Protein backbone atom coordinates (compact mmCIF):
# COMPACT_ATOMS: atom_id res chain seq x y z
CA MET A 1 -34.65 67.25 4.86
CA THR A 2 -33.19 66.45 8.75
CA LEU A 3 -31.26 62.70 8.66
CA PRO A 4 -31.70 61.12 11.72
CA ARG A 5 -28.74 60.08 14.23
CA VAL A 6 -27.31 56.98 12.15
CA GLY A 7 -25.39 54.32 13.98
CA LEU A 8 -23.07 52.37 11.89
CA ILE A 9 -21.94 49.19 13.00
CA GLY A 10 -18.66 47.81 11.01
CA LEU A 11 -16.21 50.79 10.24
CA GLY A 12 -14.04 48.83 7.86
CA ILE A 13 -13.77 50.03 3.95
CA MET A 14 -17.69 50.50 3.15
CA GLY A 15 -18.72 51.40 6.72
CA MET A 16 -15.83 54.22 6.83
CA ALA A 17 -16.89 55.27 3.44
CA TYR A 18 -20.87 55.61 4.68
CA ALA A 19 -19.62 57.71 7.64
CA ALA A 20 -17.42 59.94 5.70
CA ASN A 21 -20.82 60.51 3.46
CA LEU A 22 -23.18 60.74 6.10
CA ARG A 23 -20.92 63.65 7.69
CA ARG A 24 -21.26 65.56 5.15
CA ALA A 25 -24.45 65.36 4.15
CA GLY A 26 -24.54 66.57 8.18
CA ALA A 27 -26.13 63.74 9.91
CA GLU A 28 -24.89 62.95 13.15
CA VAL A 29 -22.83 59.38 12.63
CA LEU A 30 -21.67 57.19 15.89
CA GLY A 31 -20.33 54.16 15.82
CA PHE A 32 -18.36 50.84 16.21
CA ASP A 33 -15.95 48.40 15.82
CA PRO A 34 -13.49 46.40 17.32
CA VAL A 35 -10.65 48.05 15.78
CA PRO A 36 -9.48 51.31 17.98
CA SER A 37 -8.26 53.06 14.80
CA ALA A 38 -11.48 52.84 12.79
CA ARG A 39 -13.03 54.67 16.36
CA ALA A 40 -10.34 56.89 16.08
CA ALA A 41 -11.09 57.53 11.98
CA LEU A 42 -14.67 58.35 12.74
CA ASP A 43 -13.89 61.10 15.59
CA SER A 44 -11.66 62.39 12.81
CA LEU A 45 -14.44 62.64 10.92
CA GLY A 46 -17.17 64.54 13.40
CA GLY A 47 -18.43 61.58 13.96
CA ARG A 48 -18.41 59.69 17.31
CA GLY A 49 -16.61 56.33 17.89
CA CYS A 50 -18.28 54.36 20.38
CA ALA A 51 -16.91 51.47 23.02
CA THR A 52 -19.31 49.12 22.03
CA ALA A 53 -22.52 48.37 19.81
CA ALA A 54 -24.62 48.66 22.40
CA GLU A 55 -23.62 52.10 22.93
CA VAL A 56 -24.84 52.65 19.43
CA ALA A 57 -27.99 50.72 20.03
CA GLN A 58 -28.41 53.12 23.09
CA GLY A 59 -28.07 56.22 21.05
CA ALA A 60 -28.69 55.89 17.23
CA ASP A 61 -32.41 56.64 15.47
CA VAL A 62 -31.19 54.18 12.52
CA ILE A 63 -28.77 51.58 12.30
CA LEU A 64 -26.15 50.35 9.29
CA MET A 65 -24.91 47.36 9.38
CA ALA A 66 -21.01 46.49 7.23
CA LEU A 67 -20.14 43.60 8.88
CA PRO A 68 -17.54 40.86 7.51
CA SER A 69 -19.38 37.81 9.02
CA VAL A 70 -22.09 35.86 10.22
CA LYS A 71 -19.89 35.10 13.66
CA ALA A 72 -19.56 39.50 13.78
CA LEU A 73 -23.44 39.75 12.78
CA GLU A 74 -24.42 37.02 15.60
CA ALA A 75 -22.18 38.78 18.27
CA VAL A 76 -23.39 42.18 17.49
CA VAL A 77 -26.99 41.63 17.39
CA ALA A 78 -27.02 39.64 20.63
CA GLU A 79 -25.29 42.42 22.62
CA MET A 80 -27.81 45.05 20.52
CA LYS A 81 -30.92 43.18 21.24
CA PRO A 82 -31.69 44.24 24.79
CA HIS A 83 -31.07 48.28 24.32
CA LEU A 84 -32.77 48.14 21.03
CA ARG A 85 -36.03 50.18 21.32
CA ALA A 86 -39.43 49.02 19.52
CA GLY A 87 -40.06 51.01 16.10
CA MET A 88 -36.65 51.11 15.41
CA VAL A 89 -35.42 50.00 11.78
CA ILE A 90 -32.36 48.27 10.74
CA ALA A 91 -30.52 47.67 7.37
CA GLU A 92 -27.73 44.75 7.24
CA MET A 93 -26.13 45.95 4.37
CA GLY A 94 -23.49 43.09 4.25
CA THR A 95 -23.29 40.18 1.73
CA LEU A 96 -23.68 37.58 4.21
CA PRO A 97 -25.50 33.72 3.67
CA LEU A 98 -29.26 34.81 3.95
CA ASP A 99 -30.12 31.90 6.85
CA ALA A 100 -27.58 34.33 9.06
CA LYS A 101 -29.49 37.16 8.22
CA GLU A 102 -33.02 35.60 8.49
CA ALA A 103 -31.84 34.60 11.84
CA ALA A 104 -30.69 38.19 12.79
CA ARG A 105 -34.02 39.49 11.84
CA ALA A 106 -35.74 37.27 13.93
CA ALA A 107 -33.98 38.15 16.90
CA CYS A 108 -34.50 41.68 16.21
CA ALA A 109 -38.55 40.94 15.51
CA GLU A 110 -38.51 39.26 19.70
CA VAL A 111 -38.07 43.42 20.58
CA GLY A 112 -39.83 45.14 17.90
CA VAL A 113 -37.70 46.00 15.73
CA ALA A 114 -37.21 45.68 11.74
CA LEU A 115 -34.17 44.54 10.39
CA LEU A 116 -33.96 44.59 6.60
CA ASP A 117 -31.72 42.96 3.88
CA CYS A 118 -29.98 45.46 2.07
CA PRO A 119 -26.85 44.67 0.25
CA VAL A 120 -25.52 47.43 -1.98
CA SER A 121 -23.51 46.67 -5.20
CA GLY A 122 -20.06 48.57 -6.11
CA THR A 123 -16.48 48.95 -4.82
CA GLY A 124 -15.21 50.56 -1.79
CA ALA A 125 -14.08 53.42 -4.06
CA GLN A 126 -17.53 53.94 -5.33
CA ALA A 127 -19.07 54.00 -1.57
CA ALA A 128 -16.65 56.64 -1.29
CA THR A 129 -18.09 58.71 -3.69
CA GLY A 130 -22.11 57.31 -3.05
CA ASP A 131 -21.85 55.35 -6.33
CA LEU A 132 -23.60 52.75 -5.21
CA VAL A 133 -26.99 50.54 -5.78
CA VAL A 134 -28.93 49.63 -2.91
CA PHE A 135 -31.01 46.44 -3.21
CA ALA A 136 -33.24 46.68 -0.03
CA SER A 137 -35.55 44.14 0.68
CA GLY A 138 -38.28 43.89 3.49
CA GLU A 139 -41.22 45.66 4.14
CA ALA A 140 -41.81 48.96 2.26
CA ALA A 141 -42.71 51.14 5.11
CA ASP A 142 -39.44 50.50 6.92
CA VAL A 143 -37.63 50.81 3.72
CA ALA A 144 -38.85 54.15 3.51
CA VAL A 145 -37.86 54.76 6.17
CA LEU A 146 -34.39 54.51 5.74
CA HIS A 147 -34.59 55.58 1.94
CA PRO A 148 -32.80 59.66 3.37
CA VAL A 149 -29.85 57.78 4.29
CA PHE A 150 -29.49 55.74 1.35
CA ALA A 151 -30.06 58.29 -0.91
CA VAL A 152 -26.98 59.93 0.56
CA LEU A 153 -24.76 56.72 0.09
CA ALA A 154 -26.09 55.85 -3.38
CA ARG A 155 -27.02 57.34 -6.61
CA ASP A 156 -30.26 54.18 -6.86
CA ILE A 157 -32.05 52.72 -4.51
CA ARG A 158 -34.64 49.89 -5.33
CA HIS A 159 -37.09 48.27 -3.30
CA VAL A 160 -36.26 44.87 -4.67
CA GLY A 161 -39.03 42.25 -2.80
CA PRO A 162 -39.73 40.60 0.34
CA PHE A 163 -36.65 40.17 2.88
CA GLY A 164 -34.05 38.10 1.06
CA ALA A 165 -34.29 39.30 -2.21
CA GLY A 166 -31.66 41.74 -1.86
CA MET A 167 -29.31 39.27 -0.53
CA LYS A 168 -30.25 36.75 -4.20
CA LEU A 169 -30.00 40.24 -6.34
CA LYS A 170 -26.46 40.71 -4.92
CA LEU A 171 -25.32 37.18 -5.72
CA VAL A 172 -26.55 37.90 -9.39
CA ALA A 173 -24.85 41.23 -9.21
CA ASN A 174 -21.51 39.82 -8.01
CA LEU A 175 -21.33 36.65 -10.45
CA LEU A 176 -21.10 39.45 -13.20
CA VAL A 177 -18.69 40.98 -10.96
CA THR A 178 -16.30 38.36 -10.70
CA ILE A 179 -16.92 37.38 -14.14
CA HIS A 180 -16.06 40.52 -15.78
CA ASN A 181 -13.30 41.58 -13.45
CA LEU A 182 -11.18 38.54 -14.91
CA ALA A 183 -12.45 39.69 -18.54
CA ALA A 184 -11.44 42.91 -17.98
CA ALA A 185 -8.27 41.90 -16.74
CA GLU A 186 -7.77 39.26 -19.81
CA ALA A 187 -8.67 41.96 -22.61
CA LEU A 188 -6.13 44.37 -20.68
CA LEU A 189 -3.19 41.24 -20.61
CA LEU A 190 -4.31 40.90 -25.25
CA ALA A 191 -3.45 44.28 -25.37
CA GLU A 192 -0.76 44.71 -23.46
CA LYS A 193 0.96 41.44 -25.43
CA SER A 194 -0.20 42.93 -28.75
CA GLY A 195 2.20 46.07 -28.24
CA LEU A 196 -0.96 48.48 -27.72
CA ASP A 197 -0.63 51.52 -25.93
CA LEU A 198 -3.25 50.37 -22.51
CA GLY A 199 -4.49 54.18 -21.98
CA MET A 200 -5.59 54.67 -24.99
CA VAL A 201 -7.06 50.80 -24.93
CA TYR A 202 -8.73 51.62 -21.99
CA ASP A 203 -10.27 55.02 -23.59
CA ALA A 204 -11.14 52.88 -26.64
CA ILE A 205 -12.98 50.04 -24.96
CA ARG A 206 -15.07 52.30 -22.60
CA SER A 207 -16.60 54.09 -25.72
CA GLY A 208 -17.70 50.55 -27.61
CA ALA A 209 -19.53 47.38 -27.32
CA GLY A 210 -16.84 45.44 -24.88
CA ASN A 211 -17.24 48.22 -22.07
CA SER A 212 -18.08 46.76 -18.78
CA ARG A 213 -18.46 48.46 -15.57
CA MET A 214 -15.82 46.75 -13.91
CA PHE A 215 -13.78 47.49 -17.08
CA GLU A 216 -14.48 51.32 -16.15
CA VAL A 217 -13.82 50.72 -12.33
CA ARG A 218 -11.27 48.14 -12.21
CA GLY A 219 -8.91 49.28 -15.65
CA PRO A 220 -7.30 52.52 -14.10
CA LEU A 221 -5.68 49.70 -11.97
CA MET A 222 -4.52 47.24 -13.32
CA ILE A 223 -3.34 49.60 -16.12
CA GLU A 224 -1.31 51.33 -13.14
CA GLY A 225 -0.62 48.43 -11.12
CA ARG A 226 -1.77 50.05 -7.96
CA TYR A 227 -3.99 47.24 -6.20
CA GLU A 228 -3.04 48.82 -2.90
CA PRO A 229 -5.46 50.05 -0.71
CA ALA A 230 -7.80 47.94 -1.79
CA THR A 231 -11.23 48.97 -2.19
CA MET A 232 -12.17 44.97 -2.27
CA LYS A 233 -9.88 42.96 -0.62
CA MET A 234 -8.66 39.53 -2.41
CA ASP A 235 -9.11 37.31 0.58
CA VAL A 236 -12.61 38.90 2.28
CA TYR A 237 -14.16 38.14 -1.55
CA GLN A 238 -13.39 34.84 -1.25
CA LYS A 239 -16.57 34.49 1.26
CA ASP A 240 -18.64 35.94 -1.62
CA LEU A 241 -17.31 33.43 -4.24
CA ALA A 242 -18.26 30.76 -2.01
CA LEU A 243 -21.55 32.41 -1.31
CA ILE A 244 -22.38 32.65 -4.99
CA MET A 245 -21.44 29.06 -5.39
CA ASP A 246 -23.71 27.24 -2.96
CA HIS A 247 -26.97 29.42 -3.49
CA ALA A 248 -26.61 28.09 -7.51
CA ARG A 249 -26.10 25.05 -5.89
CA ASP A 250 -29.06 25.38 -4.07
CA VAL A 251 -30.50 26.25 -6.97
CA ALA A 252 -29.60 23.54 -8.81
CA CYS A 253 -28.56 26.91 -11.42
CA PRO A 254 -25.66 26.00 -13.87
CA VAL A 255 -22.71 28.82 -13.40
CA PRO A 256 -19.97 27.30 -15.98
CA LEU A 257 -18.29 30.91 -16.26
CA MET A 258 -18.43 31.68 -12.47
CA ALA A 259 -16.92 28.18 -11.98
CA ALA A 260 -14.34 29.00 -14.80
CA SER A 261 -12.96 31.86 -12.92
CA LEU A 262 -12.76 30.45 -9.35
CA PRO A 263 -9.04 29.13 -10.29
CA PHE A 264 -7.93 32.48 -11.31
CA TYR A 265 -8.80 34.19 -7.64
CA SER A 266 -7.23 30.96 -5.69
CA ALA A 267 -4.38 31.59 -8.18
CA ALA A 268 -4.02 35.29 -6.55
CA LEU A 269 -4.31 33.86 -3.01
CA ALA A 270 -1.09 31.42 -3.99
CA GLN A 271 0.98 34.18 -5.06
CA GLY A 272 0.24 36.17 -1.83
CA ARG A 273 -2.08 38.90 -2.88
CA HIS A 274 -4.60 38.33 -0.01
CA LYS A 275 -4.98 42.12 0.70
CA GLU A 276 -4.50 43.48 -3.09
CA ASP A 277 -7.83 44.78 -4.29
CA THR A 278 -9.45 42.07 -6.82
CA ALA A 279 -7.90 44.02 -9.72
CA ALA A 280 -4.70 42.36 -9.20
CA LEU A 281 -6.50 39.65 -11.51
CA PHE A 282 -4.61 41.63 -13.70
CA ALA A 283 -1.36 40.61 -11.89
CA VAL A 284 -1.97 37.13 -11.95
CA LEU A 285 -2.41 36.90 -15.53
CA GLN A 286 0.85 38.92 -16.27
CA GLN A 287 2.30 36.36 -13.89
CA MET A 288 1.24 33.72 -16.19
CA ALA A 289 2.11 35.25 -19.14
CA PRO A 290 5.75 34.23 -20.83
CA GLY A 291 7.51 36.93 -21.84
CA ARG A 292 9.01 37.66 -25.20
CA GLU A 293 12.43 35.74 -24.23
CA ASP A 294 10.26 32.42 -23.39
CA GLN A 295 8.40 33.05 -27.04
CA ALA A 296 11.62 33.14 -28.89
């Protein structure tokens, strides 16, 4: 199947992973990021780094957005809007407040463009290997337009319902990620303090009932103490934590384990781990744990 010309807005960890996979699949890719080195990185993949988001809107058949903030989303949509063509389909794939996505959807609809809410479940490392799940929400016909593109980026593509269902599902998924990440760190620290070989522990737990995807993905990073380059930066993830708690509050849902996890993510920032992978929760717990000399 011939892929459409794909525009990427946002060339961070996720956006560059999308670009690399699309180029390997033979797609023509053009993209924008305000960071010049990110545009140069796209050029090195055989894509085309664009100086503006408007240039992407003019040249792409479909557009994927992987943006870090509401401010970035608002600015990009305003810039692209005069250059979009009626009938185009855009996927907003970030983890952002639903009301901001709704506003972007309304702005695009004014020029006959469909904007979908399509967050993904998976880390940057998983994105690099196409091991993601797309939670696509919006009109089924519009999701179908992007299905061939999503199939290059993900192992599973799910149309989860009307616009906004994707973000709600993403918050549910991230609640589990948040808790499971801390649980993996806690379990590995218990193993370490018990004098067990962590490589053996990792292999044994993966084959048993205590396994989780976060244990599989972040366990090796914890064991090796390898937190950079990050697949999800600790400071960036603070936004996700706030979104989960805000949504739970809005729907009056108790989330006691989620709430109990938050101080440990805050402690990572207090230890200066802003740019480290969230797997660094293991290092946070290690720093809290007394050494053997302290136990004597």
